[in-house]
Amino acid sequence: MKNNPVNSEIFREQVTHGNQDFQLQLYKDMEYHEKGLILYNHWHEEAEIFVVTEGAIELVVDGISIFAEKNTVVLIPPNLLHGAYQYQNQKCRFTSIVFHADFIASKNPDIIQTQQLDPFFDNTFISSYVLSHTERKNETVQLLLADLIHIYSSSEPYRELIIKGCLYQILYHLLQKEKKHNLKSVSDYVNEERKKKILSFMEANYQNPLDLNELATAISLSKEQFCRFFKHSFRTTPIHYLNKYRINRSMDLLKETSKSIIEIAIEVGFDSSNYFSVSFKKATGMTPSQFRKMT
């Protein structure tokens, strides 16, 4: 596949979707948000079908913002950075079907593989991968999705075959829905590179003291320009995002090591164990010690 994932491995999702015997995973009616954030920016080598089941969501795929109301279906190619945000504080739910290219690949390089599937797996995000709830084919796709979800949860013999059949039909409607065209301008590509660069910079330097001037300099912007750019791109402030990243790293250390709380706080970039504990509880609802006891 030609798609190049974000340069930073840290934003690669660590969850295993399905298994080698059946490389598809269903996540039904998911609901999560933290100060407007539903999904942190991440990428994975699998493709994804994202369906809004309640409310409205702002989905950002490869730098493209999509307003997705109930029953909107979005097809996300592999290896693209994507995240999701609340829209106007609305309650929202979504269902996600994540599947590997190998799951639907042809054994031989036939027309289906070379002319219909490979262009999707090798492509960037384009407009025809968004099926609005108002479009004629949406009802057909919703019925196919309902069938797939029902069979997925059943113990029916040969259920895997039916699921794959439903998936092929859904892809048929999404891949040939309309003439494909690229949604991104030159400035979009510049901003996407800036986003990748600042996320990589944070990953490489989160253990050190970082201020707004350093972060802005990393992508050649003034502090004011950087704050506006970051808030627009990630719907949160740079410091909140950085601290959340540090908290996530500390959770790994709390689970995997016997280091003290103060050692972990310093290792992930907090200048005091007290500030670390306050930030950790604010983000997770428990203290670092409580979290460690639970894992």
C-alpha atoms as a PDB file:
ATOM      1  CA  MET A   1       0.000   0.000   0.000  1.00  0.00           C
ATOM      2  CA  LYS A   2       1.199   3.460  -0.851  1.00  0.00           C
ATOM      3  CA  ASN A   3      -0.317   5.416   2.019  1.00  0.00           C
ATOM      4  CA  ASN A   4       2.341   6.616   4.421  1.00  0.00           C
ATOM      5  CA  PRO A   5       1.245   6.791   8.043  1.00  0.00           C
ATOM      6  CA  VAL A   6       2.021   9.729  10.262  1.00  0.00           C
ATOM      7  CA  ASN A   7       5.752   9.813  10.963  1.00  0.00           C
ATOM      8  CA  SER A   8       5.121   9.312  14.669  1.00  0.00           C
ATOM      9  CA  GLU A   9       4.437   5.730  15.773  1.00  0.00           C
ATOM     10  CA  ILE A  10       3.035   7.029  19.063  1.00  0.00           C
ATOM     11  CA  PHE A  11      -0.210   8.067  17.363  1.00  0.00           C
ATOM     12  CA  ARG A  12      -0.657   4.612  15.925  1.00  0.00           C
ATOM     13  CA  GLU A  13      -3.560   2.990  17.751  1.00  0.00           C
ATOM     14  CA  GLN A  14      -2.306   0.128  19.915  1.00  0.00           C
ATOM     15  CA  VAL A  15      -5.617  -1.761  19.964  1.00  0.00           C
ATOM     16  CA  THR A  16      -5.796  -5.050  18.039  1.00  0.00           C
ATOM     17  CA  HIS A  17      -8.873  -5.083  15.803  1.00  0.00           C
ATOM     18  CA  GLY A  18     -10.139  -8.612  15.289  1.00  0.00           C
ATOM     19  CA  ASN A  19      -7.587 -11.418  14.936  1.00  0.00           C
ATOM     20  CA  GLN A  20      -5.718 -13.334  12.251  1.00  0.00           C
ATOM     21  CA  ASP A  21      -8.668 -15.672  11.773  1.00  0.00           C
ATOM     22  CA  PHE A  22     -11.164 -12.829  11.318  1.00  0.00           C
ATOM     23  CA  GLN A  23      -9.661  -9.390  10.684  1.00  0.00           C
ATOM     24  CA  LEU A  24     -12.741  -7.301  11.426  1.00  0.00           C
ATOM     25  CA  GLN A  25     -13.941  -5.708  14.662  1.00  0.00           C
ATOM     26  CA  LEU A  26     -17.268  -4.040  15.425  1.00  0.00           C
ATOM     27  CA  TYR A  27     -17.567  -1.242  18.014  1.00  0.00           C
ATOM     28  CA  LYS A  28     -21.275  -0.564  18.522  1.00  0.00           C
ATOM     29  CA  ASP A  29     -22.864   2.621  19.917  1.00  0.00           C
ATOM     30  CA  MET A  30     -19.696   4.077  21.399  1.00  0.00           C
ATOM     31  CA  GLU A  31     -20.005   7.223  23.507  1.00  0.00           C
ATOM     32  CA  TYR A  32     -17.076   9.106  25.005  1.00  0.00           C
ATOM     33  CA  HIS A  33     -16.042  12.711  25.367  1.00  0.00           C
ATOM     34  CA  GLU A  34     -13.687  14.782  27.464  1.00  0.00           C
ATOM     35  CA  LYS A  35     -14.254  18.526  27.187  1.00  0.00           C
ATOM     36  CA  GLY A  36     -15.659  18.113  23.714  1.00  0.00           C
ATOM     37  CA  LEU A  37     -13.175  15.478  22.616  1.00  0.00           C
ATOM     38  CA  ILE A  38     -14.599  12.139  21.456  1.00  0.00           C
ATOM     39  CA  LEU A  39     -11.609  10.487  19.782  1.00  0.00           C
ATOM     40  CA  TYR A  40      -7.996  11.583  20.130  1.00  0.00           C
ATOM     41  CA  ASN A  41      -6.053  11.845  16.897  1.00  0.00           C
ATOM     42  CA  HIS A  42      -4.809   8.395  15.926  1.00  0.00           C
ATOM     43  CA  TRP A  43      -4.210   6.166  12.929  1.00  0.00           C
ATOM     44  CA  HIS A  44      -4.224   2.451  12.240  1.00  0.00           C
ATOM     45  CA  GLU A  45      -3.348   0.226   9.312  1.00  0.00           C
ATOM     46  CA  GLU A  46      -6.948  -0.951   8.991  1.00  0.00           C
ATOM     47  CA  ALA A  47      -9.729   0.816   7.084  1.00  0.00           C
ATOM     48  CA  GLU A  48     -12.789   1.976   9.018  1.00  0.00           C
ATOM     49  CA  ILE A  49     -16.477   2.573   8.433  1.00  0.00           C
ATOM     50  CA  PHE A  50     -17.665   5.258  10.873  1.00  0.00           C
ATOM     51  CA  VAL A  51     -21.428   5.691  11.408  1.00  0.00           C
ATOM     52  CA  VAL A  52     -23.079   8.348  13.569  1.00  0.00           C
ATOM     53  CA  THR A  53     -25.965   6.710  15.429  1.00  0.00           C
ATOM     54  CA  GLU A  54     -27.123   9.634  17.583  1.00  0.00           C
ATOM     55  CA  GLY A  55     -26.606  13.393  17.597  1.00  0.00           C
ATOM     56  CA  ALA A  56     -23.878  15.044  15.527  1.00  0.00           C
ATOM     57  CA  ILE A  57     -20.098  14.806  15.431  1.00  0.00           C
ATOM     58  CA  GLU A  58     -17.271  16.767  13.860  1.00  0.00           C
ATOM     59  CA  LEU A  59     -15.008  14.121  12.349  1.00  0.00           C
ATOM     60  CA  VAL A  60     -11.575  15.221  11.120  1.00  0.00           C
ATOM     61  CA  VAL A  61      -9.870  12.854   8.655  1.00  0.00           C
ATOM     62  CA  ASP A  62      -6.450  13.685   7.207  1.00  0.00           C
ATOM     63  CA  GLY A  63      -7.019  17.346   8.028  1.00  0.00           C
ATOM     64  CA  ILE A  64     -10.502  17.472   6.472  1.00  0.00           C
ATOM     65  CA  SER A  65     -13.356  18.478   8.797  1.00  0.00           C
ATOM     66  CA  ILE A  66     -16.668  16.668   8.274  1.00  0.00           C
ATOM     67  CA  PHE A  67     -19.945  17.602   9.929  1.00  0.00           C
ATOM     68  CA  ALA A  68     -21.631  14.230  10.448  1.00  0.00           C
ATOM     69  CA  GLU A  69     -25.239  14.037  11.619  1.00  0.00           C
ATOM     70  CA  LYS A  70     -27.169  10.924  12.605  1.00  0.00           C
ATOM     71  CA  ASN A  71     -26.911   8.156   9.960  1.00  0.00           C
ATOM     72  CA  THR A  72     -23.997   9.801   8.158  1.00  0.00           C
ATOM     73  CA  VAL A  73     -21.555   7.106   7.020  1.00  0.00           C
ATOM     74  CA  VAL A  74     -17.844   7.861   6.532  1.00  0.00           C
ATOM     75  CA  LEU A  75     -15.329   5.485   4.969  1.00  0.00           C
ATOM     76  CA  ILE A  76     -11.805   6.099   6.292  1.00  0.00           C
ATOM     77  CA  PRO A  77      -8.835   4.673   4.340  1.00  0.00           C
ATOM     78  CA  PRO A  78      -5.953   3.011   6.238  1.00  0.00           C
ATOM     79  CA  ASN A  79      -3.082   4.960   7.817  1.00  0.00           C
ATOM     80  CA  LEU A  80      -4.799   8.356   7.939  1.00  0.00           C
ATOM     81  CA  LEU A  81      -4.716  10.497  11.082  1.00  0.00           C
ATOM     82  CA  HIS A  82      -8.266  11.040  12.329  1.00  0.00           C
ATOM     83  CA  GLY A  83     -10.110  12.258  15.414  1.00  0.00           C
ATOM     84  CA  ALA A  84     -13.624  13.273  16.472  1.00  0.00           C
ATOM     85  CA  TYR A  85     -15.142  16.130  18.449  1.00  0.00           C
ATOM     86  CA  GLN A  86     -18.505  17.004  19.936  1.00  0.00           C
ATOM     87  CA  TYR A  87     -20.636  19.349  17.874  1.00  0.00           C
ATOM     88  CA  GLN A  88     -22.190  22.177  19.907  1.00  0.00           C
ATOM     89  CA  ASN A  89     -22.141  20.014  23.049  1.00  0.00           C
ATOM     90  CA  GLN A  90     -24.648  17.570  21.559  1.00  0.00           C
ATOM     91  CA  LYS A  91     -24.897  14.090  22.984  1.00  0.00           C
ATOM     92  CA  CYS A  92     -23.566  11.734  20.358  1.00  0.00           C
ATOM     93  CA  ARG A  93     -22.943   8.052  19.666  1.00  0.00           C
ATOM     94  CA  PHE A  94     -21.242   6.216  16.866  1.00  0.00           C
ATOM     95  CA  THR A  95     -20.628   2.722  15.559  1.00  0.00           C
ATOM     96  CA  SER A  96     -17.337   1.760  13.955  1.00  0.00           C
ATOM     97  CA  ILE A  97     -16.379  -1.208  11.778  1.00  0.00           C
ATOM     98  CA  VAL A  98     -12.619  -1.652  11.500  1.00  0.00           C
ATOM     99  CA  PHE A  99     -11.222  -4.139   8.990  1.00  0.00           C
ATOM    100  CA  HIS A 100      -7.859  -5.022   7.487  1.00  0.00           C
ATOM    101  CA  ALA A 101      -7.217  -4.888   3.747  1.00  0.00           C
ATOM    102  CA  ASP A 102      -6.289  -8.572   3.827  1.00  0.00           C
ATOM    103  CA  PHE A 103      -9.787  -9.393   5.080  1.00  0.00           C
ATOM    104  CA  ILE A 104     -11.343  -8.499   1.719  1.00  0.00           C
ATOM    105  CA  ALA A 105      -8.325  -8.954  -0.564  1.00  0.00           C
ATOM    106  CA  SER A 106      -8.553 -11.181  -3.642  1.00  0.00           C
ATOM    107  CA  LYS A 107      -6.257 -14.181  -3.736  1.00  0.00           C
ATOM    108  CA  ASN A 108      -5.171 -13.184  -7.254  1.00  0.00           C
ATOM    109  CA  PRO A 109      -4.717  -9.687  -8.734  1.00  0.00           C
ATOM    110  CA  ASP A 110      -8.121  -9.657 -10.417  1.00  0.00           C
ATOM    111  CA  ILE A 111     -10.213  -6.660 -11.507  1.00  0.00           C
ATOM    112  CA  ILE A 112     -11.835  -6.391  -8.069  1.00  0.00           C
ATOM    113  CA  GLN A 113      -8.451  -6.061  -6.387  1.00  0.00           C
ATOM    114  CA  THR A 114      -6.525  -3.934  -8.894  1.00  0.00           C
ATOM    115  CA  GLN A 115      -9.257  -1.597 -10.123  1.00  0.00           C
ATOM    116  CA  GLN A 116     -11.712  -1.343  -7.238  1.00  0.00           C
ATOM    117  CA  LEU A 117     -10.045  -2.102  -3.889  1.00  0.00           C
ATOM    118  CA  ASP A 118      -6.407  -1.022  -4.392  1.00  0.00           C
ATOM    119  CA  PRO A 119      -7.365   2.533  -5.459  1.00  0.00           C
ATOM    120  CA  PHE A 120      -9.192   2.914  -2.139  1.00  0.00           C
ATOM    121  CA  PHE A 121      -6.483   1.393   0.033  1.00  0.00           C
ATOM    122  CA  ASP A 122      -3.799   3.445  -1.747  1.00  0.00           C
ATOM    123  CA  ASN A 123      -5.726   6.715  -1.867  1.00  0.00           C
ATOM    124  CA  THR A 124      -6.115   9.770   0.307  1.00  0.00           C
ATOM    125  CA  PHE A 125      -9.464  10.871   1.723  1.00  0.00           C
ATOM    126  CA  ILE A 126     -11.950  12.005  -0.945  1.00  0.00           C
ATOM    127  CA  SER A 127     -15.495  13.345  -0.957  1.00  0.00           C
ATOM    128  CA  SER A 128     -17.222  10.179  -2.117  1.00  0.00           C
ATOM    129  CA  TYR A 129     -16.243   8.451   1.123  1.00  0.00           C
ATOM    130  CA  VAL A 130     -18.871  10.528   2.980  1.00  0.00           C
ATOM    131  CA  LEU A 131     -22.469   9.339   2.607  1.00  0.00           C
ATOM    132  CA  SER A 132     -24.830  11.984   3.979  1.00  0.00           C
ATOM    133  CA  HIS A 133     -27.985  10.945   5.805  1.00  0.00           C
ATOM    134  CA  THR A 134     -30.002  12.735   3.103  1.00  0.00           C
ATOM    135  CA  GLU A 135     -28.586  10.822   0.143  1.00  0.00           C
ATOM    136  CA  ARG A 136     -30.665   8.237  -1.672  1.00  0.00           C
ATOM    137  CA  LYS A 137     -28.293   5.321  -1.073  1.00  0.00           C
ATOM    138  CA  ASN A 138     -28.096   5.942   2.650  1.00  0.00           C
ATOM    139  CA  GLU A 139     -31.183   3.848   3.398  1.00  0.00           C
ATOM    140  CA  THR A 140     -29.725   0.865   1.520  1.00  0.00           C
ATOM    141  CA  VAL A 141     -26.406   1.188   3.333  1.00  0.00           C
ATOM    142  CA  GLN A 142     -28.161   1.494   6.714  1.00  0.00           C
ATOM    143  CA  LEU A 143     -30.007  -1.785   6.061  1.00  0.00           C
ATOM    144  CA  LEU A 144     -26.743  -3.515   5.150  1.00  0.00           C
ATOM    145  CA  LEU A 145     -25.091  -2.126   8.278  1.00  0.00           C
ATOM    146  CA  ALA A 146     -27.995  -3.363  10.408  1.00  0.00           C
ATOM    147  CA  ASP A 147     -27.648  -6.836   8.876  1.00  0.00           C
ATOM    148  CA  LEU A 148     -23.898  -6.873   9.510  1.00  0.00           C
ATOM    149  CA  ILE A 149     -24.294  -5.746  13.125  1.00  0.00           C
ATOM    150  CA  HIS A 150     -27.052  -8.310  13.795  1.00  0.00           C
ATOM    151  CA  ILE A 151     -25.085 -11.213  12.320  1.00  0.00           C
ATOM    152  CA  TYR A 152     -21.877 -10.101  14.073  1.00  0.00           C
ATOM    153  CA  SER A 153     -23.571 -10.511  17.450  1.00  0.00           C
ATOM    154  CA  SER A 154     -25.105 -13.884  16.589  1.00  0.00           C
ATOM    155  CA  SER A 155     -23.745 -17.426  16.707  1.00  0.00           C
ATOM    156  CA  GLU A 156     -25.239 -18.328  13.349  1.00  0.00           C
ATOM    157  CA  PRO A 157     -23.223 -20.874  11.332  1.00  0.00           C
ATOM    158  CA  TYR A 158     -21.140 -19.267   8.591  1.00  0.00           C
ATOM    159  CA  ARG A 159     -21.791 -15.832  10.104  1.00  0.00           C
ATOM    160  CA  GLU A 160     -18.344 -14.708   8.960  1.00  0.00           C
ATOM    161  CA  LEU A 161     -19.314 -15.319   5.334  1.00  0.00           C
ATOM    162  CA  ILE A 162     -22.466 -13.217   5.695  1.00  0.00           C
ATOM    163  CA  ILE A 163     -20.508 -10.412   7.389  1.00  0.00           C
ATOM    164  CA  LYS A 164     -17.968 -10.327   4.577  1.00  0.00           C
ATOM    165  CA  GLY A 165     -20.791 -10.281   2.040  1.00  0.00           C
ATOM    166  CA  CYS A 166     -22.427  -7.299   3.780  1.00  0.00           C
ATOM    167  CA  LEU A 167     -19.092  -5.493   3.898  1.00  0.00           C
ATOM    168  CA  TYR A 168     -18.532  -5.962   0.163  1.00  0.00           C
ATOM    169  CA  GLN A 169     -21.994  -4.538  -0.558  1.00  0.00           C
ATOM    170  CA  ILE A 170     -21.414  -1.524   1.707  1.00  0.00           C
ATOM    171  CA  LEU A 171     -18.094  -0.833  -0.022  1.00  0.00           C
ATOM    172  CA  TYR A 172     -19.832  -1.095  -3.396  1.00  0.00           C
ATOM    173  CA  HIS A 173     -22.107   1.800  -2.490  1.00  0.00           C
ATOM    174  CA  LEU A 174     -19.380   3.928  -0.892  1.00  0.00           C
ATOM    175  CA  LEU A 175     -16.612   3.385  -3.441  1.00  0.00           C
ATOM    176  CA  GLN A 176     -18.668   4.163  -6.549  1.00  0.00           C
ATOM    177  CA  LYS A 177     -21.083   6.659  -5.055  1.00  0.00           C
ATOM    178  CA  GLU A 178     -19.954   9.621  -7.179  1.00  0.00           C
ATOM    179  CA  LYS A 179     -17.076  10.976  -9.211  1.00  0.00           C
ATOM    180  CA  LYS A 180     -14.093  11.129  -6.902  1.00  0.00           C
ATOM    181  CA  HIS A 181     -12.242  14.363  -6.315  1.00  0.00           C
ATOM    182  CA  ASN A 182      -9.667  15.518  -3.827  1.00  0.00           C
ATOM    183  CA  LEU A 183     -10.940  17.838  -1.101  1.00  0.00           C
ATOM    184  CA  LYS A 184      -7.613  19.324  -0.064  1.00  0.00           C
ATOM    185  CA  SER A 185      -5.976  22.553  -1.163  1.00  0.00           C
ATOM    186  CA  VAL A 186      -2.266  23.381  -1.031  1.00  0.00           C
ATOM    187  CA  SER A 187      -2.756  25.214   2.269  1.00  0.00           C
ATOM    188  CA  ASP A 188      -4.498  22.144   3.666  1.00  0.00           C
ATOM    189  CA  TYR A 189      -1.431  20.038   2.917  1.00  0.00           C
ATOM    190  CA  VAL A 190       0.835  22.642   4.570  1.00  0.00           C
ATOM    191  CA  ASN A 191      -1.300  22.643   7.711  1.00  0.00           C
ATOM    192  CA  GLU A 192      -1.433  18.842   7.742  1.00  0.00           C
ATOM    193  CA  GLU A 193       2.362  18.709   7.703  1.00  0.00           C
ATOM    194  CA  ARG A 194       2.446  21.243  10.537  1.00  0.00           C
ATOM    195  CA  LYS A 195       0.109  19.050  12.581  1.00  0.00           C
ATOM    196  CA  LYS A 196       2.226  15.968  12.029  1.00  0.00           C
ATOM    197  CA  LYS A 197       5.372  17.914  12.888  1.00  0.00           C
ATOM    198  CA  ILE A 198       4.050  19.362  16.155  1.00  0.00           C
ATOM    199  CA  LEU A 199       2.662  16.010  17.313  1.00  0.00           C
ATOM    200  CA  SER A 200       5.999  14.358  16.572  1.00  0.00           C
ATOM    201  CA  PHE A 201       7.811  17.169  18.405  1.00  0.00           C
ATOM    202  CA  MET A 202       5.616  16.691  21.473  1.00  0.00           C
ATOM    203  CA  GLU A 203       6.245  12.947  21.422  1.00  0.00           C
ATOM    204  CA  ALA A 204      10.009  13.430  21.248  1.00  0.00           C
ATOM    205  CA  ASN A 205      10.153  16.134  23.932  1.00  0.00           C
ATOM    206  CA  TYR A 206       7.255  15.562  26.351  1.00  0.00           C
ATOM    207  CA  GLN A 207       9.700  14.540  29.122  1.00  0.00           C
ATOM    208  CA  ASN A 208      11.286  17.991  29.052  1.00  0.00           C
ATOM    209  CA  PRO A 209       9.845  21.327  30.193  1.00  0.00           C
ATOM    210  CA  LEU A 210       8.031  22.800  27.203  1.00  0.00           C
ATOM    211  CA  ASP A 211       6.480  26.234  26.827  1.00  0.00           C
ATOM    212  CA  LEU A 212       4.398  27.794  24.093  1.00  0.00           C
ATOM    213  CA  ASN A 213       7.355  29.598  22.553  1.00  0.00           C
ATOM    214  CA  GLU A 214       9.260  26.328  22.057  1.00  0.00           C
ATOM    215  CA  LEU A 215       6.240  24.610  20.577  1.00  0.00           C
ATOM    216  CA  ALA A 216       5.556  27.508  18.215  1.00  0.00           C
ATOM    217  CA  THR A 217       9.186  27.658  17.099  1.00  0.00           C
ATOM    218  CA  ALA A 218       9.087  23.946  16.218  1.00  0.00           C
ATOM    219  CA  ILE A 219       6.714  24.718  13.335  1.00  0.00           C
ATOM    220  CA  SER A 220       7.963  28.253  12.580  1.00  0.00           C
ATOM    221  CA  LEU A 221       4.969  30.184  13.891  1.00  0.00           C
ATOM    222  CA  SER A 222       4.629  32.980  16.412  1.00  0.00           C
ATOM    223  CA  LYS A 223       3.189  32.040  19.785  1.00  0.00           C
ATOM    224  CA  GLU A 224      -0.128  33.710  18.931  1.00  0.00           C
ATOM    225  CA  GLN A 225      -0.326  32.069  15.491  1.00  0.00           C
ATOM    226  CA  PHE A 226       0.563  28.705  17.004  1.00  0.00           C
ATOM    227  CA  CYS A 227      -2.129  28.867  19.696  1.00  0.00           C
ATOM    228  CA  ARG A 228      -4.789  29.708  17.097  1.00  0.00           C
ATOM    229  CA  PHE A 229      -3.523  26.984  14.763  1.00  0.00           C
ATOM    230  CA  PHE A 230      -3.432  24.318  17.489  1.00  0.00           C
ATOM    231  CA  LYS A 231      -6.848  25.204  18.904  1.00  0.00           C
ATOM    232  CA  HIS A 232      -8.372  25.111  15.410  1.00  0.00           C
ATOM    233  CA  SER A 233      -6.652  21.827  14.519  1.00  0.00           C
ATOM    234  CA  PHE A 234      -7.147  19.840  17.735  1.00  0.00           C
ATOM    235  CA  ARG A 235     -10.048  21.643  19.499  1.00  0.00           C
ATOM    236  CA  THR A 236      -8.019  22.042  22.682  1.00  0.00           C
ATOM    237  CA  THR A 237      -5.083  24.071  23.944  1.00  0.00           C
ATOM    238  CA  PRO A 238      -1.475  22.929  23.401  1.00  0.00           C
ATOM    239  CA  ILE A 239      -0.828  22.616  27.131  1.00  0.00           C
ATOM    240  CA  HIS A 240      -3.980  20.571  27.759  1.00  0.00           C
ATOM    241  CA  TYR A 241      -3.087  18.238  24.880  1.00  0.00           C
ATOM    242  CA  LEU A 242       0.504  17.901  26.111  1.00  0.00           C
ATOM    243  CA  ASN A 243      -0.560  17.172  29.679  1.00  0.00           C
ATOM    244  CA  LYS A 244      -3.087  14.598  28.478  1.00  0.00           C
ATOM    245  CA  TYR A 245      -0.343  12.912  26.486  1.00  0.00           C
ATOM    246  CA  ARG A 246       1.877  12.891  29.582  1.00  0.00           C
ATOM    247  CA  ILE A 247      -0.965  11.380  31.610  1.00  0.00           C
ATOM    248  CA  ASN A 248      -1.382   8.618  29.032  1.00  0.00           C
ATOM    249  CA  ARG A 249       2.322   7.814  29.197  1.00  0.00           C
ATOM    250  CA  SER A 250       2.203   7.813  33.005  1.00  0.00           C
ATOM    251  CA  MET A 251      -0.636   5.282  32.918  1.00  0.00           C
ATOM    252  CA  ASP A 252       1.626   2.876  31.033  1.00  0.00           C
ATOM    253  CA  LEU A 253       4.395   3.368  33.592  1.00  0.00           C
ATOM    254  CA  LEU A 254       2.001   2.879  36.515  1.00  0.00           C
ATOM    255  CA  LYS A 255       0.841  -0.419  35.012  1.00  0.00           C
ATOM    256  CA  GLU A 256       4.190  -1.718  33.796  1.00  0.00           C
ATOM    257  CA  THR A 257       6.761  -0.551  36.379  1.00  0.00           C
ATOM    258  CA  SER A 258       7.184  -0.299  40.130  1.00  0.00           C
ATOM    259  CA  LYS A 259       8.565   3.236  40.006  1.00  0.00           C
ATOM    260  CA  SER A 260       7.343   5.691  42.610  1.00  0.00           C
ATOM    261  CA  ILE A 261       4.722   8.318  41.825  1.00  0.00           C
ATOM    262  CA  ILE A 262       7.276  11.128  41.970  1.00  0.00           C
ATOM    263  CA  GLU A 263       9.665   9.240  39.684  1.00  0.00           C
ATOM    264  CA  ILE A 264       6.912   8.742  37.137  1.00  0.00           C
ATOM    265  CA  ALA A 265       5.785  12.358  37.405  1.00  0.00           C
ATOM    266  CA  ILE A 266       9.281  13.617  36.617  1.00  0.00           C
ATOM    267  CA  GLU A 267       9.834  11.036  33.874  1.00  0.00           C
ATOM    268  CA  VAL A 268       6.763  12.131  31.927  1.00  0.00           C
ATOM    269  CA  GLY A 269       7.528  15.845  32.217  1.00  0.00           C
ATOM    270  CA  PHE A 270       5.644  17.150  35.271  1.00  0.00           C
ATOM    271  CA  ASP A 271       7.696  19.420  37.520  1.00  0.00           C
ATOM    272  CA  SER A 272       6.049  18.242  40.746  1.00  0.00           C
ATOM    273  CA  SER A 273       4.282  15.122  41.966  1.00  0.00           C
ATOM    274  CA  ASN A 274       1.452  17.262  43.398  1.00  0.00           C
ATOM    275  CA  TYR A 275       0.664  18.878  40.034  1.00  0.00           C
ATOM    276  CA  PHE A 276       0.912  15.455  38.419  1.00  0.00           C
ATOM    277  CA  SER A 277      -1.552  13.913  40.911  1.00  0.00           C
ATOM    278  CA  VAL A 278      -4.028  16.784  40.489  1.00  0.00           C
ATOM    279  CA  SER A 279      -3.811  16.564  36.684  1.00  0.00           C
ATOM    280  CA  PHE A 280      -4.099  12.763  36.743  1.00  0.00           C
ATOM    281  CA  LYS A 281      -7.234  12.822  38.906  1.00  0.00           C
ATOM    282  CA  LYS A 282      -8.800  15.534  36.763  1.00  0.00           C
ATOM    283  CA  ALA A 283      -8.237  13.428  33.635  1.00  0.00           C
ATOM    284  CA  THR A 284      -9.130   9.982  35.002  1.00  0.00           C
ATOM    285  CA  GLY A 285     -11.286  10.543  38.080  1.00  0.00           C
ATOM    286  CA  MET A 286      -8.793   8.780  40.355  1.00  0.00           C
ATOM    287  CA  THR A 287      -5.367   9.350  41.852  1.00  0.00           C
ATOM    288  CA  PRO A 288      -2.261   7.662  40.402  1.00  0.00           C
ATOM    289  CA  SER A 289      -2.159   5.332  43.409  1.00  0.00           C
ATOM    290  CA  GLN A 290      -5.785   4.324  42.962  1.00  0.00           C
ATOM    291  CA  PHE A 291      -5.198   3.691  39.278  1.00  0.00           C
ATOM    292  CA  ARG A 292      -2.170   1.497  40.046  1.00  0.00           C
ATOM    293  CA  LYS A 293      -4.165  -0.615  42.489  1.00  0.00           C
ATOM    294  CA  MET A 294      -6.828  -1.246  39.869  1.00  0.00           C
ATOM    295  CA  THR A 295      -4.381  -2.521  37.237  1.00  0.00           C
END
